[in-house]
Amino acid sequence: MLGKELVGASTIPLILTILLEGENYGYQLIKKVRESSGGKLQWTDAMLYPVLGRMHRDGLIKFRWEVLENGRKRKYYKITAEGLKTLEAKKEDWSVVLQMFSKMWGLNYTS
């Protein structure tokens, strides 16, 4: 499991990156992160939904409601133009950090 600081720092760029693929609802985001990390990153509803709320208030994502066949409603999230700009900035930040650690630890990383 990853430390809280790394999880916190990576949450927004991970969500935005996943939403580049298309709309997703909360459980899909949780599942995608768990699968992509090989189970090393485990998000919970209690962690994810407040972050999605802040991202919506900040204009990084938007959402729509869909009524399922069973009558339940599901919220689907989508990246916005502002979210795309934010993701590009985050990618630059993470690239610098990754390159630095790669160099210091003797890893083969190129962006």
C-alpha atoms as a PDB file:
ATOM      1  CA  MET A   1       0.000   0.000   0.000  1.00  0.00           C
ATOM      2  CA  LEU A   2       1.164   3.504  -0.767  1.00  0.00           C
ATOM      3  CA  GLY A   3       1.553   6.208   1.869  1.00  0.00           C
ATOM      4  CA  LYS A   4      -1.179   8.797   2.393  1.00  0.00           C
ATOM      5  CA  GLU A   5       0.944  11.631   1.034  1.00  0.00           C
ATOM      6  CA  LEU A   6       1.587   9.905  -2.283  1.00  0.00           C
ATOM      7  CA  VAL A   7      -2.033   8.804  -2.585  1.00  0.00           C
ATOM      8  CA  GLY A   8      -3.204  12.357  -1.919  1.00  0.00           C
ATOM      9  CA  ALA A   9      -0.785  13.912  -4.373  1.00  0.00           C
ATOM     10  CA  SER A  10      -1.656  11.472  -7.152  1.00  0.00           C
ATOM     11  CA  THR A  11      -5.455  11.334  -6.821  1.00  0.00           C
ATOM     12  CA  ILE A  12      -6.419  14.281  -9.025  1.00  0.00           C
ATOM     13  CA  PRO A  13      -4.020  13.486 -11.878  1.00  0.00           C
ATOM     14  CA  LEU A  14      -5.109   9.839 -11.780  1.00  0.00           C
ATOM     15  CA  ILE A  15      -8.797  10.733 -11.923  1.00  0.00           C
ATOM     16  CA  LEU A  16      -8.240  13.173 -14.776  1.00  0.00           C
ATOM     17  CA  THR A  17      -6.140  10.633 -16.680  1.00  0.00           C
ATOM     18  CA  ILE A  18      -8.818   7.961 -16.342  1.00  0.00           C
ATOM     19  CA  LEU A  19     -11.496  10.412 -17.464  1.00  0.00           C
ATOM     20  CA  LEU A  20      -9.501  11.074 -20.648  1.00  0.00           C
ATOM     21  CA  GLU A  21     -10.718   7.616 -21.713  1.00  0.00           C
ATOM     22  CA  GLY A  22     -14.349   8.702 -21.287  1.00  0.00           C
ATOM     23  CA  GLU A  23     -17.068   9.062 -18.707  1.00  0.00           C
ATOM     24  CA  ASN A  24     -16.835   6.953 -15.560  1.00  0.00           C
ATOM     25  CA  TYR A  25     -18.794   6.616 -12.359  1.00  0.00           C
ATOM     26  CA  GLY A  26     -17.205   6.419  -8.927  1.00  0.00           C
ATOM     27  CA  TYR A  27     -16.960   2.655  -8.573  1.00  0.00           C
ATOM     28  CA  GLN A  28     -15.394   2.396 -12.044  1.00  0.00           C
ATOM     29  CA  LEU A  29     -12.711   4.882 -10.974  1.00  0.00           C
ATOM     30  CA  ILE A  30     -11.989   2.899  -7.803  1.00  0.00           C
ATOM     31  CA  LYS A  31     -11.812  -0.359  -9.754  1.00  0.00           C
ATOM     32  CA  LYS A  32      -9.586   1.088 -12.505  1.00  0.00           C
ATOM     33  CA  VAL A  33      -7.072   2.435  -9.990  1.00  0.00           C
ATOM     34  CA  ARG A  34      -6.980  -0.843  -8.064  1.00  0.00           C
ATOM     35  CA  GLU A  35      -6.481  -2.862 -11.265  1.00  0.00           C
ATOM     36  CA  SER A  36      -3.923  -0.477 -12.787  1.00  0.00           C
ATOM     37  CA  SER A  37      -1.844  -0.483  -9.605  1.00  0.00           C
ATOM     38  CA  GLY A  38      -1.962  -4.241  -9.169  1.00  0.00           C
ATOM     39  CA  GLY A  39      -3.867  -3.695  -5.930  1.00  0.00           C
ATOM     40  CA  LYS A  40      -1.212  -1.441  -4.408  1.00  0.00           C
ATOM     41  CA  LEU A  41      -3.475   1.610  -4.538  1.00  0.00           C
ATOM     42  CA  GLN A  42      -6.857   1.069  -2.916  1.00  0.00           C
ATOM     43  CA  TRP A  43      -9.319   3.947  -2.921  1.00  0.00           C
ATOM     44  CA  THR A  44     -12.514   3.991  -0.874  1.00  0.00           C
ATOM     45  CA  ASP A  45     -15.827   5.737  -1.435  1.00  0.00           C
ATOM     46  CA  ALA A  46     -15.142   7.893   1.616  1.00  0.00           C
ATOM     47  CA  MET A  47     -11.888   9.119   0.064  1.00  0.00           C
ATOM     48  CA  LEU A  48     -13.030   9.456  -3.551  1.00  0.00           C
ATOM     49  CA  TYR A  49     -16.352  11.286  -3.409  1.00  0.00           C
ATOM     50  CA  PRO A  50     -15.132  14.366  -1.501  1.00  0.00           C
ATOM     51  CA  VAL A  51     -12.294  14.688  -4.045  1.00  0.00           C
ATOM     52  CA  LEU A  52     -14.765  14.439  -6.938  1.00  0.00           C
ATOM     53  CA  GLY A  53     -16.891  17.124  -5.274  1.00  0.00           C
ATOM     54  CA  ARG A  54     -13.925  19.482  -4.977  1.00  0.00           C
ATOM     55  CA  MET A  55     -12.871  18.770  -8.552  1.00  0.00           C
ATOM     56  CA  HIS A  56     -16.396  19.608  -9.726  1.00  0.00           C
ATOM     57  CA  ARG A  57     -16.450  22.857  -7.729  1.00  0.00           C
ATOM     58  CA  ASP A  58     -13.043  23.738  -9.211  1.00  0.00           C
ATOM     59  CA  GLY A  59     -14.359  23.151 -12.743  1.00  0.00           C
ATOM     60  CA  LEU A  60     -12.026  20.219 -13.484  1.00  0.00           C
ATOM     61  CA  ILE A  61     -14.868  17.761 -14.066  1.00  0.00           C
ATOM     62  CA  LYS A  62     -18.578  17.811 -14.745  1.00  0.00           C
ATOM     63  CA  PHE A  63     -21.170  15.145 -14.179  1.00  0.00           C
ATOM     64  CA  ARG A  64     -24.513  13.908 -15.369  1.00  0.00           C
ATOM     65  CA  TRP A  65     -27.057  11.649 -13.748  1.00  0.00           C
ATOM     66  CA  GLU A  66     -28.304   8.491 -15.417  1.00  0.00           C
ATOM     67  CA  VAL A  67     -31.259   6.440 -14.236  1.00  0.00           C
ATOM     68  CA  LEU A  68     -30.525   2.711 -14.361  1.00  0.00           C
ATOM     69  CA  GLU A  69     -33.018  -0.007 -15.271  1.00  0.00           C
ATOM     70  CA  ASN A  70     -33.583  -0.742 -11.594  1.00  0.00           C
ATOM     71  CA  GLY A  71     -34.547   2.899 -11.003  1.00  0.00           C
ATOM     72  CA  ARG A  72     -31.365   3.839  -9.171  1.00  0.00           C
ATOM     73  CA  LYS A  73     -29.449   6.916 -10.247  1.00  0.00           C
ATOM     74  CA  ARG A  74     -25.751   6.889 -11.088  1.00  0.00           C
ATOM     75  CA  LYS A  75     -23.488   9.930 -11.476  1.00  0.00           C
ATOM     76  CA  TYR A  76     -21.117   9.848 -14.458  1.00  0.00           C
ATOM     77  CA  TYR A  77     -18.069  12.132 -14.423  1.00  0.00           C
ATOM     78  CA  LYS A  78     -16.342  13.726 -17.397  1.00  0.00           C
ATOM     79  CA  ILE A  79     -13.197  15.860 -17.720  1.00  0.00           C
ATOM     80  CA  THR A  80     -13.641  19.536 -18.696  1.00  0.00           C
ATOM     81  CA  ALA A  81     -11.387  21.889 -20.676  1.00  0.00           C
ATOM     82  CA  GLU A  82     -10.096  23.256 -17.359  1.00  0.00           C
ATOM     83  CA  GLY A  83      -9.434  19.690 -16.239  1.00  0.00           C
ATOM     84  CA  LEU A  84      -7.401  19.080 -19.397  1.00  0.00           C
ATOM     85  CA  LYS A  85      -5.262  22.155 -18.663  1.00  0.00           C
ATOM     86  CA  THR A  86      -4.765  21.048 -15.081  1.00  0.00           C
ATOM     87  CA  LEU A  87      -3.816  17.549 -16.192  1.00  0.00           C
ATOM     88  CA  GLU A  88      -1.159  18.901 -18.568  1.00  0.00           C
ATOM     89  CA  ALA A  89       0.363  20.919 -15.712  1.00  0.00           C
ATOM     90  CA  LYS A  90       0.264  17.892 -13.382  1.00  0.00           C
ATOM     91  CA  LYS A  91       1.900  15.726 -16.057  1.00  0.00           C
ATOM     92  CA  GLU A  92       4.783  18.183 -16.285  1.00  0.00           C
ATOM     93  CA  ASP A  93       5.163  18.195 -12.489  1.00  0.00           C
ATOM     94  CA  TRP A  94       5.105  14.401 -12.199  1.00  0.00           C
ATOM     95  CA  SER A  95       7.491  14.034 -15.128  1.00  0.00           C
ATOM     96  CA  VAL A  96      10.079  16.187 -13.351  1.00  0.00           C
ATOM     97  CA  VAL A  97       9.737  14.125 -10.159  1.00  0.00           C
ATOM     98  CA  LEU A  98       9.867  10.833 -12.043  1.00  0.00           C
ATOM     99  CA  GLN A  99      12.933  11.885 -14.030  1.00  0.00           C
ATOM    100  CA  MET A 100      14.664  13.012 -10.861  1.00  0.00           C
ATOM    101  CA  PHE A 101      14.033   9.743  -9.015  1.00  0.00           C
ATOM    102  CA  SER A 102      14.934   7.733 -12.099  1.00  0.00           C
ATOM    103  CA  LYS A 103      18.268   9.499 -12.317  1.00  0.00           C
ATOM    104  CA  MET A 104      18.970   9.235  -8.585  1.00  0.00           C
ATOM    105  CA  TRP A 105      17.930   5.578  -8.372  1.00  0.00           C
ATOM    106  CA  GLY A 106      19.509   4.494 -11.655  1.00  0.00           C
ATOM    107  CA  LEU A 107      16.221   3.607 -13.343  1.00  0.00           C
ATOM    108  CA  ASN A 108      15.650   3.788 -17.099  1.00  0.00           C
ATOM    109  CA  TYR A 109      12.876   6.369 -17.528  1.00  0.00           C
ATOM    110  CA  THR A 110      12.433   8.713 -20.453  1.00  0.00           C
ATOM    111  CA  SER A 111       9.465  10.971 -21.006  1.00  0.00           C
END
